[in-house]
Structures are given as C-alpha cells and as structure tokens.
Amino acid sequence: MPWVKTEDCTGCGVCIDACPVGAISAEDAVAVVDNDSCIRCGVCHDVCPNDALRHDAERIPDEVESNLAWVSSLLEHDYYAGDREKQAKLMKRIERHFSKDMAVAERTLEQLDTLT
C-alpha cells in the first residue's frame, strides 16, 4: 500500500489530481492516502515529482522493530516479569500469532493467480 514520506512531500497536488479514484487528499499541505479507497494502481508513485509516495516494503524494518517493542513490553509486564515459565508460554502464543499472519499471506500469494 502506498504511503507518503511526509518530509519529502511538498504539497504540490500532482498525486491528488492524478489519482483515478480520489484516494489521495491533502492535510496541512501534505498528501494523505486513504488506503481503503486506494486501488493499488501505482499512478501516484509514477507522477510524484519528489518521490514522496512510497511502497510498504520500505516499512518492513520499522514494522519488525514495532513488533519486537510490543513483545518486549509484554514480557516486561508485571504478570510476566521474572517468570520464565509464563514468558515461555507467551512466546509460544506470539509465535502462533505471527505464524498465522505469515500463513495467511503465503496462502493468499499462492492463490492470486486464480483471480485472473
């Protein structure tokens, strides 16, 4: 999904005008993508003169860091702190959580070709 690197967006409006479904608007002179309306056509990426419209793959390191921070905060919670047995059970549940997300993504990728 596209996102806007706000520090690179000059608010020129080119992407807003070019979006075929009106999924981009401006807030405080910065483009904002409504990902529910976005049809993933890539036009915004192509027309942005400042390369401010970015792809989500660039956010993977940030998302991993956020996930790890979330799990760390759980491990530090009073309920788990210092209790290795509870922490181990939590980690197994966390692994199942992320494994489920991975399985959904993998199965979706496997079946995409059935749509065309």
PDB file of N, CA and C in Angstrom:
ATOM      1  N   MET A   1       0.837  -1.166   0.000  1.00  0.00           N
ATOM      2  CA  MET A   1       0.000   0.000   0.000  1.00  0.00           C
ATOM      3  C   MET A   1       0.885   1.233   0.000  1.00  0.00           C
ATOM      4  N   PRO A   2       0.483   2.228  -0.732  1.00  0.00           N
ATOM      5  CA  PRO A   2       1.309   3.433  -0.759  1.00  0.00           C
ATOM      6  C   PRO A   2       1.200   4.223   0.543  1.00  0.00           C
ATOM      7  N   TRP A   3       2.228   4.940   0.828  1.00  0.00           N
ATOM      8  CA  TRP A   3       2.242   5.846   1.971  1.00  0.00           C
ATOM      9  C   TRP A   3       3.056   7.061   1.572  1.00  0.00           C
ATOM     10  N   VAL A   4       2.906   8.118   2.304  1.00  0.00           N
ATOM     11  CA  VAL A   4       3.568   9.373   1.974  1.00  0.00           C
ATOM     12  C   VAL A   4       4.703   9.623   2.947  1.00  0.00           C
ATOM     13  N   LYS A   5       5.882   9.787   2.405  1.00  0.00           N
ATOM     14  CA  LYS A   5       7.034  10.195   3.213  1.00  0.00           C
ATOM     15  C   LYS A   5       6.893  11.709   3.381  1.00  0.00           C
ATOM     16  N   THR A   6       6.308  12.095   4.498  1.00  0.00           N
ATOM     17  CA  THR A   6       5.870  13.478   4.685  1.00  0.00           C
ATOM     18  C   THR A   6       6.988  14.500   4.529  1.00  0.00           C
ATOM     19  N   GLU A   7       8.192  14.147   4.922  1.00  0.00           N
ATOM     20  CA  GLU A   7       9.294  15.120   4.807  1.00  0.00           C
ATOM     21  C   GLU A   7       9.677  15.398   3.355  1.00  0.00           C
ATOM     22  N   ASP A   8       9.272  14.522   2.436  1.00  0.00           N
ATOM     23  CA  ASP A   8       9.566  14.734   1.016  1.00  0.00           C
ATOM     24  C   ASP A   8       8.394  15.341   0.249  1.00  0.00           C
ATOM     25  N   CYS A   9       7.208  15.364   0.851  1.00  0.00           N
ATOM     26  CA  CYS A   9       6.016  15.876   0.174  1.00  0.00           C
ATOM     27  C   CYS A   9       5.994  17.407   0.257  1.00  0.00           C
ATOM     28  N   THR A  10       5.862  18.035  -0.907  1.00  0.00           N
ATOM     29  CA  THR A  10       5.798  19.498  -0.948  1.00  0.00           C
ATOM     30  C   THR A  10       4.375  20.014  -1.056  1.00  0.00           C
ATOM     31  N   GLY A  11       3.409  19.106  -1.101  1.00  0.00           N
ATOM     32  CA  GLY A  11       2.017  19.509  -1.208  1.00  0.00           C
ATOM     33  C   GLY A  11       1.643  20.056  -2.568  1.00  0.00           C
ATOM     34  N   CYS A  12       2.348  19.625  -3.608  1.00  0.00           N
ATOM     35  CA  CYS A  12       2.115  20.156  -4.957  1.00  0.00           C
ATOM     36  C   CYS A  12       0.763  19.746  -5.533  1.00  0.00           C
ATOM     37  N   GLY A  13       0.204  18.628  -5.058  1.00  0.00           N
ATOM     38  CA  GLY A  13      -1.111  18.192  -5.507  1.00  0.00           C
ATOM     39  C   GLY A  13      -1.130  17.363  -6.766  1.00  0.00           C
ATOM     40  N   VAL A  14       0.020  17.086  -7.356  1.00  0.00           N
ATOM     41  CA  VAL A  14       0.063  16.296  -8.590  1.00  0.00           C
ATOM     42  C   VAL A  14      -0.559  14.923  -8.371  1.00  0.00           C
ATOM     43  N   CYS A  15      -0.226  14.270  -7.277  1.00  0.00           N
ATOM     44  CA  CYS A  15      -0.768  12.937  -6.999  1.00  0.00           C
ATOM     45  C   CYS A  15      -2.269  12.983  -6.759  1.00  0.00           C
ATOM     46  N   ILE A  16      -2.732  14.047  -6.112  1.00  0.00           N
ATOM     47  CA  ILE A  16      -4.166  14.197  -5.842  1.00  0.00           C
ATOM     48  C   ILE A  16      -4.926  14.276  -7.158  1.00  0.00           C
ATOM     49  N   ASP A  17      -4.424  15.091  -8.065  1.00  0.00           N
ATOM     50  CA  ASP A  17      -5.072  15.254  -9.367  1.00  0.00           C
ATOM     51  C   ASP A  17      -4.994  13.986 -10.215  1.00  0.00           C
ATOM     52  N   ALA A  18      -3.921  13.229 -10.072  1.00  0.00           N
ATOM     53  CA  ALA A  18      -3.703  12.048 -10.916  1.00  0.00           C
ATOM     54  C   ALA A  18      -4.405  10.796 -10.412  1.00  0.00           C
ATOM     55  N   CYS A  19      -4.758  10.750  -9.151  1.00  0.00           N
ATOM     56  CA  CYS A  19      -5.366   9.539  -8.592  1.00  0.00           C
ATOM     57  C   CYS A  19      -6.711   9.270  -9.254  1.00  0.00           C
ATOM     58  N   PRO A  20      -6.855   8.112  -9.902  1.00  0.00           N
ATOM     59  CA  PRO A  20      -8.096   7.829 -10.633  1.00  0.00           C
ATOM     60  C   PRO A  20      -9.317   7.570  -9.758  1.00  0.00           C
ATOM     61  N   VAL A  21      -9.111   7.348  -8.457  1.00  0.00           N
ATOM     62  CA  VAL A  21     -10.245   7.055  -7.578  1.00  0.00           C
ATOM     63  C   VAL A  21     -10.395   8.067  -6.436  1.00  0.00           C
ATOM     64  N   GLY A  22      -9.607   9.124  -6.462  1.00  0.00           N
ATOM     65  CA  GLY A  22      -9.720  10.143  -5.428  1.00  0.00           C
ATOM     66  C   GLY A  22      -9.303   9.677  -4.052  1.00  0.00           C
ATOM     67  N   ALA A  23      -8.352   8.754  -3.994  1.00  0.00           N
ATOM     68  CA  ALA A  23      -7.924   8.199  -2.707  1.00  0.00           C
ATOM     69  C   ALA A  23      -6.867   9.054  -2.015  1.00  0.00           C
ATOM     70  N   ILE A  24      -6.445  10.140  -2.652  1.00  0.00           N
ATOM     71  CA  ILE A  24      -5.414  10.985  -2.062  1.00  0.00           C
ATOM     72  C   ILE A  24      -5.998  12.370  -1.827  1.00  0.00           C
ATOM     73  N   SER A  25      -5.747  12.872  -0.637  1.00  0.00           N
ATOM     74  CA  SER A  25      -6.182  14.217  -0.286  1.00  0.00           C
ATOM     75  C   SER A  25      -5.000  14.936   0.358  1.00  0.00           C
ATOM     76  N   ALA A  26      -5.225  16.169   0.753  1.00  0.00           N
ATOM     77  CA  ALA A  26      -4.172  16.928   1.423  1.00  0.00           C
ATOM     78  C   ALA A  26      -4.630  17.312   2.821  1.00  0.00           C
ATOM     79  N   GLU A  27      -3.726  17.161   3.755  1.00  0.00           N
ATOM     80  CA  GLU A  27      -3.946  17.620   5.126  1.00  0.00           C
ATOM     81  C   GLU A  27      -2.714  18.405   5.528  1.00  0.00           C
ATOM     82  N   ASP A  28      -2.918  19.648   5.889  1.00  0.00           N
ATOM     83  CA  ASP A  28      -1.802  20.525   6.256  1.00  0.00           C
ATOM     84  C   ASP A  28      -0.739  20.553   5.166  1.00  0.00           C
ATOM     85  N   ALA A  29      -1.188  20.655   3.924  1.00  0.00           N
ATOM     86  CA  ALA A  29      -0.314  20.764   2.743  1.00  0.00           C
ATOM     87  C   ALA A  29       0.578  19.542   2.531  1.00  0.00           C
ATOM     88  N   VAL A  30       0.093  18.385   2.976  1.00  0.00           N
ATOM     89  CA  VAL A  30       0.810  17.124   2.769  1.00  0.00           C
ATOM     90  C   VAL A  30      -0.190  16.098   2.255  1.00  0.00           C
ATOM     91  N   ALA A  31       0.208  15.321   1.259  1.00  0.00           N
ATOM     92  CA  ALA A  31      -0.663  14.288   0.710  1.00  0.00           C
ATOM     93  C   ALA A  31      -0.918  13.194   1.736  1.00  0.00           C
ATOM     94  N   VAL A  32      -2.146  12.676   1.710  1.00  0.00           N
ATOM     95  CA  VAL A  32      -2.558  11.583   2.593  1.00  0.00           C
ATOM     96  C   VAL A  32      -3.306  10.570   1.734  1.00  0.00           C
ATOM     97  N   VAL A  33      -2.935   9.297   1.842  1.00  0.00           N
ATOM     98  CA  VAL A  33      -3.570   8.232   1.066  1.00  0.00           C
ATOM     99  C   VAL A  33      -4.612   7.528   1.928  1.00  0.00           C
ATOM    100  N   ASP A  34      -5.825   7.418   1.397  1.00  0.00           N
ATOM    101  CA  ASP A  34      -6.879   6.637   2.039  1.00  0.00           C
ATOM    102  C   ASP A  34      -6.749   5.214   1.492  1.00  0.00           C
ATOM    103  N   ASN A  35      -6.103   4.355   2.254  1.00  0.00           N
ATOM    104  CA  ASN A  35      -5.815   3.004   1.776  1.00  0.00           C
ATOM    105  C   ASN A  35      -7.062   2.154   1.580  1.00  0.00           C
ATOM    106  N   ASP A  36      -8.181   2.524   2.191  1.00  0.00           N
ATOM    107  CA  ASP A  36      -9.421   1.793   1.950  1.00  0.00           C
ATOM    108  C   ASP A  36      -9.958   2.077   0.548  1.00  0.00           C
ATOM    109  N   SER A  37      -9.702   3.269   0.043  1.00  0.00           N
ATOM    110  CA  SER A  37     -10.163   3.647  -1.299  1.00  0.00           C
ATOM    111  C   SER A  37      -9.140   3.350  -2.386  1.00  0.00           C
ATOM    112  N   CYS A  38      -7.881   3.255  -2.007  1.00  0.00           N
ATOM    113  CA  CYS A  38      -6.782   3.061  -2.965  1.00  0.00           C
ATOM    114  C   CYS A  38      -6.940   1.730  -3.705  1.00  0.00           C
ATOM    115  N   ILE A  39      -6.755   1.765  -5.034  1.00  0.00           N
ATOM    116  CA  ILE A  39      -6.863   0.537  -5.836  1.00  0.00           C
ATOM    117  C   ILE A  39      -5.488  -0.008  -6.237  1.00  0.00           C
ATOM    118  N   ARG A  40      -4.423   0.494  -5.659  1.00  0.00           N
ATOM    119  CA  ARG A  40      -3.052  -0.002  -5.867  1.00  0.00           C
ATOM    120  C   ARG A  40      -2.618   0.079  -7.331  1.00  0.00           C
ATOM    121  N   CYS A  41      -2.991   1.159  -8.029  1.00  0.00           N
ATOM    122  CA  CYS A  41      -2.651   1.297  -9.452  1.00  0.00           C
ATOM    123  C   CYS A  41      -1.218   1.779  -9.672  1.00  0.00           C
ATOM    124  N   GLY A  42      -0.632   2.432  -8.674  1.00  0.00           N
ATOM    125  CA  GLY A  42       0.741   2.908  -8.797  1.00  0.00           C
ATOM    126  C   GLY A  42       0.888   4.254  -9.480  1.00  0.00           C
ATOM    127  N   VAL A  43      -0.207   4.861  -9.910  1.00  0.00           N
ATOM    128  CA  VAL A  43      -0.127   6.152 -10.599  1.00  0.00           C
ATOM    129  C   VAL A  43       0.552   7.197  -9.715  1.00  0.00           C
ATOM    130  N   CYS A  44       0.210   7.227  -8.451  1.00  0.00           N
ATOM    131  CA  CYS A  44       0.791   8.231  -7.556  1.00  0.00           C
ATOM    132  C   CYS A  44       2.312   8.109  -7.474  1.00  0.00           C
ATOM    133  N   HIS A  45       2.797   6.883  -7.457  1.00  0.00           N
ATOM    134  CA  HIS A  45       4.247   6.667  -7.430  1.00  0.00           C
ATOM    135  C   HIS A  45       4.896   7.230  -8.693  1.00  0.00           C
ATOM    136  N   ASP A  46       4.211   7.026  -9.808  1.00  0.00           N
ATOM    137  CA  ASP A  46       4.760   7.445 -11.099  1.00  0.00           C
ATOM    138  C   ASP A  46       4.778   8.959 -11.281  1.00  0.00           C
ATOM    139  N   VAL A  47       3.794   9.663 -10.722  1.00  0.00           N
ATOM    140  CA  VAL A  47       3.676  11.095 -11.002  1.00  0.00           C
ATOM    141  C   VAL A  47       4.325  11.993  -9.960  1.00  0.00           C
ATOM    142  N   CYS A  48       4.607  11.494  -8.794  1.00  0.00           N
ATOM    143  CA  CYS A  48       5.144  12.349  -7.727  1.00  0.00           C
ATOM    144  C   CYS A  48       6.531  12.872  -8.117  1.00  0.00           C
ATOM    145  N   PRO A  49       6.672  14.183  -8.250  1.00  0.00           N
ATOM    146  CA  PRO A  49       7.962  14.733  -8.657  1.00  0.00           C
ATOM    147  C   PRO A  49       9.025  14.657  -7.567  1.00  0.00           C
ATOM    148  N   ASN A  50       8.614  14.381  -6.338  1.00  0.00           N
ATOM    149  CA  ASN A  50       9.558  14.342  -5.219  1.00  0.00           C
ATOM    150  C   ASN A  50       9.774  12.948  -4.654  1.00  0.00           C
ATOM    151  N   ASP A  51       9.186  11.954  -5.314  1.00  0.00           N
ATOM    152  CA  ASP A  51       9.305  10.569  -4.860  1.00  0.00           C
ATOM    153  C   ASP A  51       8.826  10.407  -3.417  1.00  0.00           C
ATOM    154  N   ALA A  52       7.801  11.193  -3.051  1.00  0.00           N
ATOM    155  CA  ALA A  52       7.285  11.145  -1.684  1.00  0.00           C
ATOM    156  C   ALA A  52       6.305   9.995  -1.472  1.00  0.00           C
ATOM    157  N   LEU A  53       5.678   9.505  -2.554  1.00  0.00           N
ATOM    158  CA  LEU A  53       4.776   8.358  -2.444  1.00  0.00           C
ATOM    159  C   LEU A  53       5.625   7.105  -2.461  1.00  0.00           C
ATOM    160  N   ARG A  54       5.557   6.330  -1.402  1.00  0.00           N
ATOM    161  CA  ARG A  54       6.466   5.211  -1.193  1.00  0.00           C
ATOM    162  C   ARG A  54       5.690   3.893  -1.150  1.00  0.00           C
ATOM    163  N   HIS A  55       6.431   2.789  -1.243  1.00  0.00           N
ATOM    164  CA  HIS A  55       5.858   1.435  -1.164  1.00  0.00           C
ATOM    165  C   HIS A  55       6.017   0.890   0.253  1.00  0.00           C
ATOM    166  N   ASP A  56       5.054   0.011   0.672  1.00  0.00           N
ATOM    167  CA  ASP A  56       5.128  -0.506   2.036  1.00  0.00           C
ATOM    168  C   ASP A  56       6.342  -1.349   2.341  1.00  0.00           C
ATOM    169  N   ALA A  57       6.931  -1.974   1.351  1.00  0.00           N
ATOM    170  CA  ALA A  57       8.093  -2.826   1.633  1.00  0.00           C
ATOM    171  C   ALA A  57       9.184  -2.045   2.356  1.00  0.00           C
ATOM    172  N   GLU A  58       9.227  -0.749   2.134  1.00  0.00           N
ATOM    173  CA  GLU A  58      10.223   0.078   2.812  1.00  0.00           C
ATOM    174  C   GLU A  58       9.974   0.156   4.312  1.00  0.00           C
ATOM    175  N   ARG A  59       8.768  -0.150   4.715  1.00  0.00           N
ATOM    176  CA  ARG A  59       8.414  -0.058   6.132  1.00  0.00           C
ATOM    177  C   ARG A  59       8.660  -1.354   6.900  1.00  0.00           C
ATOM    178  N   ILE A  60       9.112  -2.385   6.244  1.00  0.00           N
ATOM    179  CA  ILE A  60       9.307  -3.673   6.919  1.00  0.00           C
ATOM    180  C   ILE A  60      10.219  -3.539   8.140  1.00  0.00           C
ATOM    181  N   PRO A  61      11.386  -2.902   8.030  1.00  0.00           N
ATOM    182  CA  PRO A  61      12.225  -2.785   9.235  1.00  0.00           C
ATOM    183  C   PRO A  61      11.517  -2.063  10.385  1.00  0.00           C
ATOM    184  N   ASP A  62      10.748  -1.029  10.077  1.00  0.00           N
ATOM    185  CA  ASP A  62      10.021  -0.304  11.126  1.00  0.00           C
ATOM    186  C   ASP A  62       8.942  -1.180  11.755  1.00  0.00           C
ATOM    187  N   GLU A  63       8.253  -1.971  10.925  1.00  0.00           N
ATOM    188  CA  GLU A  63       7.209  -2.848  11.452  1.00  0.00           C
ATOM    189  C   GLU A  63       7.799  -3.947  12.322  1.00  0.00           C
ATOM    190  N   VAL A  64       8.949  -4.491  11.911  1.00  0.00           N
ATOM    191  CA  VAL A  64       9.621  -5.511  12.727  1.00  0.00           C
ATOM    192  C   VAL A  64      10.022  -4.905  14.063  1.00  0.00           C
ATOM    193  N   GLU A  65      10.602  -3.717  14.024  1.00  0.00           N
ATOM    194  CA  GLU A  65      11.001  -3.047  15.263  1.00  0.00           C
ATOM    195  C   GLU A  65       9.794  -2.799  16.172  1.00  0.00           C
ATOM    196  N   SER A  66       8.689  -2.392  15.583  1.00  0.00           N
ATOM    197  CA  SER A  66       7.469  -2.162  16.349  1.00  0.00           C
ATOM    198  C   SER A  66       6.950  -3.461  16.969  1.00  0.00           C
ATOM    199  N   ASN A  67       6.981  -4.546  16.196  1.00  0.00           N
ATOM    200  CA  ASN A  67       6.550  -5.847  16.717  1.00  0.00           C
ATOM    201  C   ASN A  67       7.419  -6.273  17.893  1.00  0.00           C
ATOM    202  N   LEU A  68       8.724  -6.115  17.746  1.00  0.00           N
ATOM    203  CA  LEU A  68       9.639  -6.507  18.822  1.00  0.00           C
ATOM    204  C   LEU A  68       9.437  -5.650  20.063  1.00  0.00           C
ATOM    205  N   ALA A  69       9.181  -4.362  19.869  1.00  0.00           N
ATOM    206  CA  ALA A  69       8.916  -3.483  21.009  1.00  0.00           C
ATOM    207  C   ALA A  69       7.634  -3.905  21.726  1.00  0.00           C
ATOM    208  N   TRP A  70       6.621  -4.281  20.936  1.00  0.00           N
ATOM    209  CA  TRP A  70       5.361  -4.743  21.523  1.00  0.00           C
ATOM    210  C   TRP A  70       5.581  -5.997  22.359  1.00  0.00           C
ATOM    211  N   VAL A  71       6.306  -6.983  21.806  1.00  0.00           N
ATOM    212  CA  VAL A  71       6.560  -8.227  22.535  1.00  0.00           C
ATOM    213  C   VAL A  71       7.405  -7.941  23.773  1.00  0.00           C
ATOM    214  N   SER A  72       8.401  -7.080  23.657  1.00  0.00           N
ATOM    215  CA  SER A  72       9.229  -6.720  24.817  1.00  0.00           C
ATOM    216  C   SER A  72       8.380  -6.100  25.923  1.00  0.00           C
ATOM    217  N   SER A  73       7.438  -5.233  25.519  1.00  0.00           N
ATOM    218  CA  SER A  73       6.584  -4.601  26.534  1.00  0.00           C
ATOM    219  C   SER A  73       5.718  -5.638  27.243  1.00  0.00           C
ATOM    220  N   LEU A  74       5.274  -6.654  26.504  1.00  0.00           N
ATOM    221  CA  LEU A  74       4.508  -7.720  27.142  1.00  0.00           C
ATOM    222  C   LEU A  74       5.372  -8.498  28.128  1.00  0.00           C
ATOM    223  N   LEU A  75       6.584  -8.821  27.704  1.00  0.00           N
ATOM    224  CA  LEU A  75       7.489  -9.571  28.578  1.00  0.00           C
ATOM    225  C   LEU A  75       7.824  -8.802  29.853  1.00  0.00           C
ATOM    226  N   GLU A  76       7.820  -7.489  29.755  1.00  0.00           N
ATOM    227  CA  GLU A  76       8.146  -6.652  30.917  1.00  0.00           C
ATOM    228  C   GLU A  76       6.939  -6.392  31.815  1.00  0.00           C
ATOM    229  N   HIS A  77       5.753  -6.780  31.359  1.00  0.00           N
ATOM    230  CA  HIS A  77       4.547  -6.575  32.165  1.00  0.00           C
ATOM    231  C   HIS A  77       4.688  -7.322  33.486  1.00  0.00           C
ATOM    232  N   ASP A  78       4.104  -6.760  34.527  1.00  0.00           N
ATOM    233  CA  ASP A  78       4.193  -7.359  35.867  1.00  0.00           C
ATOM    234  C   ASP A  78       3.776  -8.828  35.877  1.00  0.00           C
ATOM    235  N   TYR A  79       2.807  -9.191  35.057  1.00  0.00           N
ATOM    236  CA  TYR A  79       2.319 -10.564  35.018  1.00  0.00           C
ATOM    237  C   TYR A  79       3.409 -11.537  34.565  1.00  0.00           C
ATOM    238  N   TYR A  80       4.251 -11.101  33.627  1.00  0.00           N
ATOM    239  CA  TYR A  80       5.282 -11.974  33.060  1.00  0.00           C
ATOM    240  C   TYR A  80       6.675 -11.761  33.656  1.00  0.00           C
ATOM    241  N   ALA A  81       6.945 -10.576  34.144  1.00  0.00           N
ATOM    242  CA  ALA A  81       8.297 -10.202  34.586  1.00  0.00           C
ATOM    243  C   ALA A  81       8.852 -11.204  35.595  1.00  0.00           C
ATOM    244  N   GLY A  82      10.016 -11.723  35.267  1.00  0.00           N
ATOM    245  CA  GLY A  82      10.711 -12.625  36.174  1.00  0.00           C
ATOM    246  C   GLY A  82      10.178 -14.046  36.216  1.00  0.00           C
ATOM    247  N   ASP A  83       9.129 -14.339  35.481  1.00  0.00           N
ATOM    248  CA  ASP A  83       8.555 -15.686  35.490  1.00  0.00           C
ATOM    249  C   ASP A  83       8.844 -16.352  34.139  1.00  0.00           C
ATOM    250  N   ARG A  84       9.915 -17.136  34.124  1.00  0.00           N
ATOM    251  CA  ARG A  84      10.362 -17.764  32.866  1.00  0.00           C
ATOM    252  C   ARG A  84       9.298 -18.676  32.245  1.00  0.00           C
ATOM    253  N   GLU A  85       8.533 -19.350  33.069  1.00  0.00           N
ATOM    254  CA  GLU A  85       7.506 -20.261  32.554  1.00  0.00           C
ATOM    255  C   GLU A  85       6.397 -19.482  31.836  1.00  0.00           C
ATOM    256  N   LYS A  86       5.933 -18.417  32.466  1.00  0.00           N
ATOM    257  CA  LYS A  86       4.909 -17.584  31.827  1.00  0.00           C
ATOM    258  C   LYS A  86       5.457 -16.923  30.551  1.00  0.00           C
ATOM    259  N   GLN A  87       6.704 -16.484  30.599  1.00  0.00           N
ATOM    260  CA  GLN A  87       7.319 -15.851  29.420  1.00  0.00           C
ATOM    261  C   GLN A  87       7.422 -16.847  28.269  1.00  0.00           C
ATOM    262  N   ALA A  88       7.780 -18.077  28.576  1.00  0.00           N
ATOM    263  CA  ALA A  88       7.904 -19.107  27.534  1.00  0.00           C
ATOM    264  C   ALA A  88       6.542 -19.385  26.900  1.00  0.00           C
ATOM    265  N   LYS A  89       5.502 -19.446  27.715  1.00  0.00           N
ATOM    266  CA  LYS A  89       4.147 -19.671  27.183  1.00  0.00           C
ATOM    267  C   LYS A  89       3.709 -18.485  26.322  1.00  0.00           C
ATOM    268  N   LEU A  90       4.029 -17.288  26.771  1.00  0.00           N
ATOM    269  CA  LEU A  90       3.713 -16.102  25.988  1.00  0.00           C
ATOM    270  C   LEU A  90       4.413 -16.153  24.629  1.00  0.00           C
ATOM    271  N   MET A  91       5.685 -16.506  24.624  1.00  0.00           N
ATOM    272  CA  MET A  91       6.438 -16.538  23.368  1.00  0.00           C
ATOM    273  C   MET A  91       5.845 -17.555  22.398  1.00  0.00           C
ATOM    274  N   LYS A  92       5.353 -18.670  22.897  1.00  0.00           N
ATOM    275  CA  LYS A  92       4.705 -19.646  22.022  1.00  0.00           C
ATOM    276  C   LYS A  92       3.425 -19.064  21.414  1.00  0.00           C
ATOM    277  N   ARG A  93       2.673 -18.321  22.227  1.00  0.00           N
ATOM    278  CA  ARG A  93       1.453 -17.677  21.696  1.00  0.00           C
ATOM    279  C   ARG A  93       1.806 -16.603  20.672  1.00  0.00           C
ATOM    280  N   ILE A  94       2.848 -15.855  20.928  1.00  0.00           N
ATOM    281  CA  ILE A  94       3.294 -14.810  19.993  1.00  0.00           C
ATOM    282  C   ILE A  94       3.755 -15.453  18.682  1.00  0.00           C
ATOM    283  N   GLU A  95       4.494 -16.557  18.779  1.00  0.00           N
ATOM    284  CA  GLU A  95       4.939 -17.261  17.569  1.00  0.00           C
ATOM    285  C   GLU A  95       3.735 -17.734  16.751  1.00  0.00           C
ATOM    286  N   ARG A  96       2.703 -18.256  17.424  1.00  0.00           N
ATOM    287  CA  ARG A  96       1.497 -18.680  16.705  1.00  0.00           C
ATOM    288  C   ARG A  96       0.804 -17.490  16.039  1.00  0.00           C
ATOM    289  N   HIS A  97       0.798 -16.365  16.727  1.00  0.00           N
ATOM    290  CA  HIS A  97       0.184 -15.148  16.187  1.00  0.00           C
ATOM    291  C   HIS A  97       0.857 -14.747  14.868  1.00  0.00           C
ATOM    292  N   PHE A  98       2.174 -14.649  14.878  1.00  0.00           N
ATOM    293  CA  PHE A  98       2.883 -14.233  13.671  1.00  0.00           C
ATOM    294  C   PHE A  98       2.903 -15.335  12.615  1.00  0.00           C
ATOM    295  N   SER A  99       2.909 -16.584  13.035  1.00  0.00           N
ATOM    296  CA  SER A  99       2.845 -17.691  12.076  1.00  0.00           C
ATOM    297  C   SER A  99       1.513 -17.698  11.344  1.00  0.00           C
ATOM    298  N   LYS A 100       0.445 -17.367  12.047  1.00  0.00           N
ATOM    299  CA  LYS A 100      -0.871 -17.285  11.415  1.00  0.00           C
ATOM    300  C   LYS A 100      -0.874 -16.201  10.352  1.00  0.00           C
ATOM    301  N   ASP A 101      -0.339 -15.021  10.677  1.00  0.00           N
ATOM    302  CA  ASP A 101      -0.273 -13.926   9.698  1.00  0.00           C
ATOM    303  C   ASP A 101       0.545 -14.340   8.484  1.00  0.00           C
ATOM    304  N   MET A 102       1.643 -15.035   8.729  1.00  0.00           N
ATOM    305  CA  MET A 102       2.508 -15.489   7.640  1.00  0.00           C
ATOM    306  C   MET A 102       1.772 -16.523   6.782  1.00  0.00           C
ATOM    307  N   ALA A 103       1.057 -17.436   7.406  1.00  0.00           N
ATOM    308  CA  ALA A 103       0.320 -18.463   6.658  1.00  0.00           C
ATOM    309  C   ALA A 103      -0.776 -17.837   5.797  1.00  0.00           C
ATOM    310  N   VAL A 104      -1.465 -16.847   6.326  1.00  0.00           N
ATOM    311  CA  VAL A 104      -2.500 -16.163   5.543  1.00  0.00           C
ATOM    312  C   VAL A 104      -1.870 -15.493   4.321  1.00  0.00           C
ATOM    313  N   ALA A 105      -0.764 -14.805   4.529  1.00  0.00           N
ATOM    314  CA  ALA A 105      -0.077 -14.134   3.414  1.00  0.00           C
ATOM    315  C   ALA A 105       0.407 -15.147   2.380  1.00  0.00           C
ATOM    316  N   GLU A 106       1.012 -16.234   2.832  1.00  0.00           N
ATOM    317  CA  GLU A 106       1.524 -17.249   1.904  1.00  0.00           C
ATOM    318  C   GLU A 106       0.401 -17.890   1.095  1.00  0.00           C
ATOM    319  N   ARG A 107      -0.696 -18.227   1.750  1.00  0.00           N
ATOM    320  CA  ARG A 107      -1.814 -18.857   1.044  1.00  0.00           C
ATOM    321  C   ARG A 107      -2.475 -17.886   0.066  1.00  0.00           C
ATOM    322  N   THR A 108      -2.541 -16.636   0.457  1.00  0.00           N
ATOM    323  CA  THR A 108      -3.084 -15.624  -0.449  1.00  0.00           C
ATOM    324  C   THR A 108      -2.205 -15.507  -1.682  1.00  0.00           C
ATOM    325  N   LEU A 109      -0.895 -15.441  -1.481  1.00  0.00           N
ATOM    326  CA  LEU A 109       0.035 -15.350  -2.612  1.00  0.00           C
ATOM    327  C   LEU A 109      -0.091 -16.566  -3.531  1.00  0.00           C
ATOM    328  N   GLU A 110      -0.242 -17.741  -2.947  1.00  0.00           N
ATOM    329  CA  GLU A 110      -0.377 -18.963  -3.734  1.00  0.00           C
ATOM    330  C   GLU A 110      -1.620 -18.937  -4.617  1.00  0.00           C
ATOM    331  N   GLN A 111      -2.666 -18.272  -4.161  1.00  0.00           N
ATOM    332  CA  GLN A 111      -3.941 -18.324  -4.876  1.00  0.00           C
ATOM    333  C   GLN A 111      -4.226 -17.080  -5.720  1.00  0.00           C
ATOM    334  N   LEU A 112      -3.343 -16.116  -5.732  1.00  0.00           N
ATOM    335  CA  LEU A 112      -3.585 -14.902  -6.512  1.00  0.00           C
ATOM    336  C   LEU A 112      -3.806 -15.188  -7.997  1.00  0.00           C
ATOM    337  N   ASP A 113      -3.072 -16.156  -8.530  1.00  0.00           N
ATOM    338  CA  ASP A 113      -3.196 -16.438  -9.971  1.00  0.00           C
ATOM    339  C   ASP A 113      -4.565 -16.984 -10.345  1.00  0.00           C
ATOM    340  N   THR A 114      -5.343 -17.438  -9.364  1.00  0.00           N
ATOM    341  CA  THR A 114      -6.680 -17.940  -9.675  1.00  0.00           C
ATOM    342  C   THR A 114      -7.660 -16.806  -9.972  1.00  0.00           C
ATOM    343  N   LEU A 115      -7.269 -15.579  -9.697  1.00  0.00           N
ATOM    344  CA  LEU A 115      -8.151 -14.435  -9.897  1.00  0.00           C
ATOM    345  C   LEU A 115      -8.121 -13.890 -11.322  1.00  0.00           C
ATOM    346  N   THR A 116      -7.104 -14.249 -12.081  1.00  0.00           N
ATOM    347  CA  THR A 116      -7.017 -13.718 -13.447  1.00  0.00           C
ATOM    348  C   THR A 116      -7.030 -14.830 -14.485  1.00  0.00           C
TER     349      THR A 116
END
